[in-house]
Amino acid sequence: MESPGGGGGGGGGGGGFPLRGDISFWADRTPVHEAARRGELLQLQQLIAAGACVNAVTYDSITPLHEASLRGQAQCVKLLLDAGAQVDARNIDGSTPLCDACASGSLECVKVLLAHGAKVNPPLYTASPLHEACMNGSPECVRLLIEVGANLEAHDCHFGTPLHVACARQHLDCVKLLLQAGANVNAAKLHETALHHAAKVRNVDLVEMLVQFGGNIYARDNRGKKPSDYTWSSSPAAKCFEYYEKTPLSLAQLCRVTVRRAAAARRGLAELSKLQIPPRLIQYLSYN
């Protein structure tokens, strides 16, 4: 997700000789990179006025805009963009400045980048800004990205969907935002669902939330294991799965899940608010 150099980190090898990759990484860094990373706005202005290139790249394809975004330097981000920085430049990992801003949890940087046309949905099978926001556990960034049309089912070949990432990192606020917005609770990565992740981290609150949104407790991964197979015997998570295996969801809950799936498949969950039903039912369907 994040570049090997951390978008601006790096350095020597802990007191010994620096790694070969570190030598190349640092060798072509420019003063613009350094000023952007440190948030030295005046220095950055002077460099730009003197004709310094704002799109210079390191061997890892990291631009000054990547540096500023990863460090949450919103003023530097705006200055670089106004000076012609490429808003969707990609580093060696395929991450854009928007990805890095989400990784830093800087809502202000995210807003600036989006205002300058940053793409919220990169090509398939690469880390997306939404993945990074879920990895970092930034519900504010997740909410904003959803509002501007982030693909909830964006699939990274290593991490799966944003929901997989949020569950693996146990960021419950992010998980709920994704599910409320219509993320597929049973999306699979090598047949592994979000519930498998919840079971592996033994988070009962996470298991409860996923089941209430329609998570399949009987789904099997590529090893043929159910989520409950990853819990310790008699642990709270194991007891939770045991309860749901013995106790079916209520009719009201099953109806809620079914209506939401139908709405998502046809016109999207935004249509729920337009249904000619009592407001309390709309709130129930929306999990509010």
Protein backbone atom coordinates (compact mmCIF):
# COMPACT_ATOMS: atom_id res chain seq x y z
CA MET A 1 0.00 0.00 0.00
CA GLU A 2 2.56 2.51 1.11
CA SER A 3 5.78 2.80 -0.87
CA PRO A 4 8.89 1.06 0.55
CA GLY A 5 10.30 4.48 1.35
CA GLY A 6 7.12 5.50 3.13
CA GLY A 7 6.54 8.27 0.60
CA GLY A 8 9.37 10.27 2.13
CA GLY A 9 10.89 8.15 4.87
CA GLY A 10 14.06 6.16 4.54
CA GLY A 11 17.55 6.73 5.75
CA GLY A 12 20.43 4.49 6.65
CA GLY A 13 20.55 0.93 7.81
CA GLY A 14 20.32 1.48 11.56
CA GLY A 15 23.90 2.61 12.16
CA GLY A 16 25.52 0.26 9.63
CA PHE A 17 25.86 0.67 5.90
CA PRO A 18 22.68 1.92 4.21
CA LEU A 19 20.84 -0.49 1.99
CA ARG A 20 21.42 -0.21 -1.71
CA GLY A 21 17.79 0.78 -2.19
CA ASP A 22 18.23 3.57 0.34
CA ILE A 23 21.21 4.99 -1.55
CA SER A 24 19.27 5.26 -4.78
CA PHE A 25 16.20 6.54 -2.96
CA TRP A 26 18.04 9.43 -1.36
CA ALA A 27 20.46 10.14 -4.22
CA ASP A 28 18.01 11.99 -6.43
CA ARG A 29 15.94 13.82 -3.86
CA THR A 30 15.61 17.53 -4.53
CA PRO A 31 15.29 20.54 -2.24
CA VAL A 32 11.65 20.71 -3.38
CA HIS A 33 11.06 17.22 -1.99
CA GLU A 34 12.63 18.22 1.32
CA ALA A 35 10.70 21.48 1.66
CA ALA A 36 7.42 19.70 0.84
CA ARG A 37 8.11 16.92 3.34
CA ARG A 38 8.96 19.34 6.14
CA GLY A 39 6.16 21.78 5.42
CA GLU A 40 8.58 24.64 4.80
CA LEU A 41 6.15 26.81 2.86
CA LEU A 42 8.38 29.88 2.43
CA GLN A 43 11.31 27.76 1.25
CA LEU A 44 9.02 25.96 -1.18
CA GLN A 45 7.71 29.26 -2.54
CA GLN A 46 11.25 30.51 -3.10
CA LEU A 47 12.29 27.32 -4.88
CA ILE A 48 9.27 27.44 -7.18
CA ALA A 49 9.87 31.15 -7.90
CA ALA A 50 13.47 30.28 -8.82
CA GLY A 51 12.24 27.77 -11.39
CA ALA A 52 12.61 24.49 -9.48
CA CYS A 53 10.70 21.54 -10.98
CA VAL A 54 7.64 20.60 -8.93
CA ASN A 55 7.30 17.26 -10.74
CA ALA A 56 10.81 15.94 -10.11
CA VAL A 57 10.73 12.23 -9.19
CA THR A 58 12.98 9.98 -7.13
CA TYR A 59 13.95 6.51 -8.33
CA ASP A 60 10.83 5.34 -6.54
CA SER A 61 8.77 7.79 -8.64
CA ILE A 62 7.93 9.87 -5.60
CA THR A 63 7.12 13.50 -6.34
CA PRO A 64 7.16 16.46 -3.96
CA LEU A 65 3.35 16.25 -3.99
CA HIS A 66 3.55 12.69 -2.67
CA GLU A 67 5.83 13.94 0.11
CA ALA A 68 3.55 16.79 1.15
CA SER A 69 0.43 14.62 0.99
CA LEU A 70 1.88 11.81 3.09
CA ARG A 71 3.03 14.30 5.73
CA GLY A 72 -0.31 16.12 5.81
CA GLN A 73 1.22 19.41 4.65
CA ALA A 74 -1.96 20.88 3.17
CA GLN A 75 -0.54 24.34 2.40
CA CYS A 76 2.39 22.81 0.57
CA VAL A 77 0.01 20.52 -1.32
CA LYS A 78 -1.98 23.52 -2.53
CA LEU A 79 1.13 25.47 -3.46
CA LEU A 80 2.53 22.57 -5.48
CA LEU A 81 -0.75 22.01 -7.29
CA ASP A 82 -1.09 25.69 -8.11
CA ALA A 83 2.45 25.54 -9.51
CA GLY A 84 1.57 22.69 -11.88
CA ALA A 85 2.22 19.52 -9.87
CA GLN A 86 0.62 16.43 -11.43
CA VAL A 87 -2.29 15.62 -9.16
CA ASP A 88 -2.48 11.91 -10.09
CA ALA A 89 1.23 11.11 -10.33
CA ARG A 90 1.97 7.50 -9.34
CA ASN A 91 4.90 6.22 -7.34
CA ILE A 92 6.51 2.82 -7.81
CA ASP A 93 3.68 1.15 -5.86
CA GLY A 94 1.00 2.83 -7.96
CA SER A 95 -0.05 5.16 -5.14
CA THR A 96 -1.19 8.68 -5.97
CA PRO A 97 -0.90 11.75 -3.73
CA LEU A 98 -4.56 11.21 -2.80
CA CYS A 99 -3.67 7.71 -1.59
CA ASP A 100 -0.88 9.19 0.51
CA ALA A 101 -3.12 11.92 1.93
CA CYS A 102 -5.61 9.23 3.01
CA ALA A 103 -2.77 7.19 4.49
CA SER A 104 -1.80 10.19 6.58
CA GLY A 105 -5.40 10.78 7.64
CA SER A 106 -5.21 14.41 6.52
CA LEU A 107 -8.76 15.40 5.62
CA GLU A 108 -7.57 18.87 4.62
CA CYS A 109 -5.07 17.44 2.11
CA VAL A 110 -7.74 15.11 0.74
CA LYS A 111 -10.09 18.05 0.18
CA VAL A 112 -7.40 20.09 -1.58
CA LEU A 113 -6.47 17.22 -3.90
CA LEU A 114 -10.09 16.45 -4.75
CA ALA A 115 -10.71 20.14 -5.47
CA HIS A 116 -7.86 19.97 -7.98
CA GLY A 117 -9.35 16.98 -9.79
CA ALA A 118 -7.65 14.02 -8.11
CA LYS A 119 -9.16 10.72 -9.24
CA VAL A 120 -10.90 8.90 -6.43
CA ASN A 121 -11.02 5.60 -8.34
CA PRO A 122 -7.69 4.45 -9.82
CA PRO A 123 -7.36 1.45 -12.19
CA LEU A 124 -8.38 -1.96 -10.89
CA TYR A 125 -6.11 -4.13 -8.75
CA THR A 126 -4.11 -1.24 -7.32
CA ALA A 127 -4.39 0.35 -3.92
CA SER A 128 -7.12 2.97 -3.89
CA PRO A 129 -7.50 6.06 -1.70
CA LEU A 130 -10.38 4.29 0.07
CA HIS A 131 -8.12 1.34 0.91
CA GLU A 132 -5.60 3.73 2.41
CA ALA A 133 -8.20 5.59 4.47
CA CYS A 134 -9.46 2.27 5.84
CA MET A 135 -5.91 1.10 6.53
CA ASN A 136 -5.23 4.28 8.50
CA GLY A 137 -8.60 4.21 10.26
CA SER A 138 -9.75 7.67 9.23
CA PRO A 139 -13.58 7.73 9.22
CA GLU A 140 -13.61 11.38 8.10
CA CYS A 141 -11.64 10.52 4.98
CA VAL A 142 -13.72 7.39 4.38
CA ARG A 143 -16.96 9.39 4.62
CA LEU A 144 -15.72 12.05 2.20
CA LEU A 145 -14.45 9.51 -0.33
CA ILE A 146 -17.80 7.70 -0.25
CA GLU A 147 -19.60 11.01 -0.81
CA VAL A 148 -17.56 11.76 -3.93
CA GLY A 149 -18.14 8.33 -5.44
CA ALA A 150 -15.36 6.04 -4.27
CA ASN A 151 -15.79 2.47 -5.49
CA LEU A 152 -16.76 0.43 -2.43
CA GLU A 153 -15.76 -2.78 -4.17
CA ALA A 154 -12.35 -1.64 -5.42
CA HIS A 155 -10.17 -4.74 -5.27
CA ASP A 156 -6.49 -4.74 -4.41
CA CYS A 157 -4.74 -7.98 -5.33
CA HIS A 158 -3.06 -8.17 -1.93
CA PHE A 159 -5.64 -6.71 0.45
CA GLY A 160 -9.02 -7.36 -1.15
CA THR A 161 -11.73 -4.71 -0.77
CA PRO A 162 -11.69 -1.67 1.53
CA LEU A 163 -14.00 -3.64 3.83
CA HIS A 164 -11.41 -6.41 4.13
CA VAL A 165 -8.80 -3.82 5.07
CA ALA A 166 -10.98 -2.05 7.64
CA CYS A 167 -11.90 -5.36 9.29
CA ALA A 168 -8.33 -6.65 9.36
CA ARG A 169 -7.28 -3.42 11.09
CA GLN A 170 -10.37 -3.46 13.38
CA HIS A 171 -11.48 0.06 12.45
CA LEU A 172 -15.14 -0.33 13.39
CA ASP A 173 -16.14 3.24 12.46
CA CYS A 174 -14.81 2.73 8.95
CA VAL A 175 -16.45 -0.69 8.69
CA LYS A 176 -19.85 0.74 9.60
CA LEU A 177 -19.53 3.61 7.11
CA LEU A 178 -18.70 1.16 4.33
CA LEU A 179 -21.56 -1.17 5.21
CA GLN A 180 -24.08 1.64 5.56
CA ALA A 181 -23.04 2.91 2.13
CA GLY A 182 -23.70 -0.52 0.62
CA ALA A 183 -20.36 -2.34 0.60
CA ASN A 184 -20.81 -6.04 -0.10
CA VAL A 185 -20.46 -7.67 3.32
CA ASN A 186 -19.75 -11.04 1.70
CA ALA A 187 -17.19 -9.89 -0.86
CA ALA A 188 -14.43 -12.50 -1.10
CA LYS A 189 -10.67 -12.40 -1.41
CA LEU A 190 -9.58 -15.96 -2.21
CA HIS A 191 -12.98 -16.91 -0.78
CA GLU A 192 -12.06 -15.10 2.45
CA THR A 193 -14.76 -12.70 3.65
CA ALA A 194 -14.74 -9.83 6.10
CA LEU A 195 -16.14 -12.23 8.71
CA HIS A 196 -13.06 -14.40 8.35
CA HIS A 197 -10.97 -11.33 9.18
CA ALA A 198 -13.19 -10.50 12.15
CA ALA A 199 -12.82 -14.05 13.44
CA LYS A 200 -9.05 -14.01 13.07
CA VAL A 201 -8.73 -10.80 15.12
CA ARG A 202 -11.36 -12.17 17.55
CA ASN A 203 -13.32 -8.93 17.64
CA VAL A 204 -16.86 -9.68 18.87
CA ASP A 205 -18.20 -6.19 18.07
CA LEU A 206 -16.96 -6.57 14.52
CA VAL A 207 -18.52 -10.01 14.17
CA GLU A 208 -21.85 -8.70 15.47
CA MET A 209 -21.83 -5.77 13.05
CA LEU A 210 -21.03 -7.88 10.01
CA VAL A 211 -23.69 -10.47 10.84
CA GLN A 212 -26.32 -7.75 11.33
CA PHE A 213 -25.49 -6.45 7.84
CA GLY A 214 -25.96 -9.92 6.37
CA GLY A 215 -22.53 -11.51 6.76
CA ASN A 216 -22.60 -15.22 5.92
CA ILE A 217 -21.32 -17.16 8.92
CA TYR A 218 -21.12 -20.32 6.80
CA ALA A 219 -18.89 -18.90 4.03
CA ARG A 220 -15.78 -21.00 3.49
CA ASP A 221 -12.37 -19.72 2.44
CA ASN A 222 -9.87 -21.43 0.14
CA ARG A 223 -8.90 -23.73 3.02
CA GLY A 224 -12.49 -24.83 3.45
CA LYS A 225 -12.82 -23.07 6.80
CA LYS A 226 -15.76 -21.08 8.15
CA PRO A 227 -15.12 -17.85 10.08
CA SER A 228 -15.83 -19.64 13.37
CA ASP A 229 -13.04 -22.10 12.63
CA TYR A 230 -10.56 -19.28 13.30
CA THR A 231 -11.77 -18.58 16.83
CA TRP A 232 -10.57 -20.10 20.08
CA SER A 233 -12.92 -22.53 21.77
CA SER A 234 -15.13 -20.84 24.41
CA SER A 235 -13.78 -17.38 23.48
CA PRO A 236 -16.33 -14.52 23.20
CA ALA A 237 -16.01 -14.58 19.41
CA ALA A 238 -16.56 -18.35 19.29
CA LYS A 239 -19.65 -18.04 21.51
CA CYS A 240 -20.96 -15.28 19.25
CA PHE A 241 -20.70 -17.49 16.17
CA GLU A 242 -22.23 -20.40 18.09
CA TYR A 243 -25.20 -18.22 19.03
CA TYR A 244 -25.87 -17.18 15.43
CA GLU A 245 -25.50 -20.76 14.20
CA LYS A 246 -28.23 -21.82 16.64
CA THR A 247 -30.38 -18.68 16.47
CA PRO A 248 -31.56 -17.45 13.03
CA LEU A 249 -31.83 -13.73 12.42
CA SER A 250 -35.24 -12.24 13.19
CA LEU A 251 -37.75 -11.81 10.37
CA ALA A 252 -37.38 -8.04 10.66
CA GLN A 253 -33.62 -8.30 10.30
CA LEU A 254 -33.86 -10.66 7.34
CA CYS A 255 -36.30 -8.28 5.64
CA ARG A 256 -33.94 -5.35 6.25
CA VAL A 257 -31.01 -7.18 4.67
CA THR A 258 -33.14 -8.34 1.71
CA VAL A 259 -34.57 -4.89 0.98
CA ARG A 260 -31.10 -3.31 1.13
CA ARG A 261 -29.69 -5.90 -1.26
CA ALA A 262 -32.55 -5.35 -3.69
CA ALA A 263 -32.12 -1.57 -3.53
CA ALA A 264 -28.35 -1.77 -4.02
CA ALA A 265 -28.77 -4.07 -7.03
CA ARG A 266 -31.32 -1.87 -8.77
CA ARG A 267 -30.72 1.83 -8.10
CA GLY A 268 -28.43 2.10 -5.12
CA LEU A 269 -29.04 2.58 -1.43
CA ALA A 270 -29.62 6.31 -1.90
CA GLU A 271 -33.06 5.33 -3.17
CA LEU A 272 -34.05 4.06 0.27
CA SER A 273 -34.76 7.61 1.42
CA LYS A 274 -37.27 7.99 -1.44
CA LEU A 275 -39.41 5.01 -0.53
CA GLN A 276 -43.01 5.82 0.39
CA ILE A 277 -42.73 4.35 3.87
CA PRO A 278 -42.60 5.85 7.39
CA PRO A 279 -39.35 7.69 8.27
CA ARG A 280 -38.66 5.24 11.11
CA LEU A 281 -38.59 2.37 8.64
CA ILE A 282 -36.18 4.28 6.42
CA GLN A 283 -33.93 4.83 9.42
CA TYR A 284 -34.13 1.13 10.22
CA LEU A 285 -33.21 0.16 6.68
CA SER A 286 -30.33 2.64 6.74
CA TYR A 287 -29.01 1.35 10.08
CA ASN A 288 -29.32 4.84 11.57
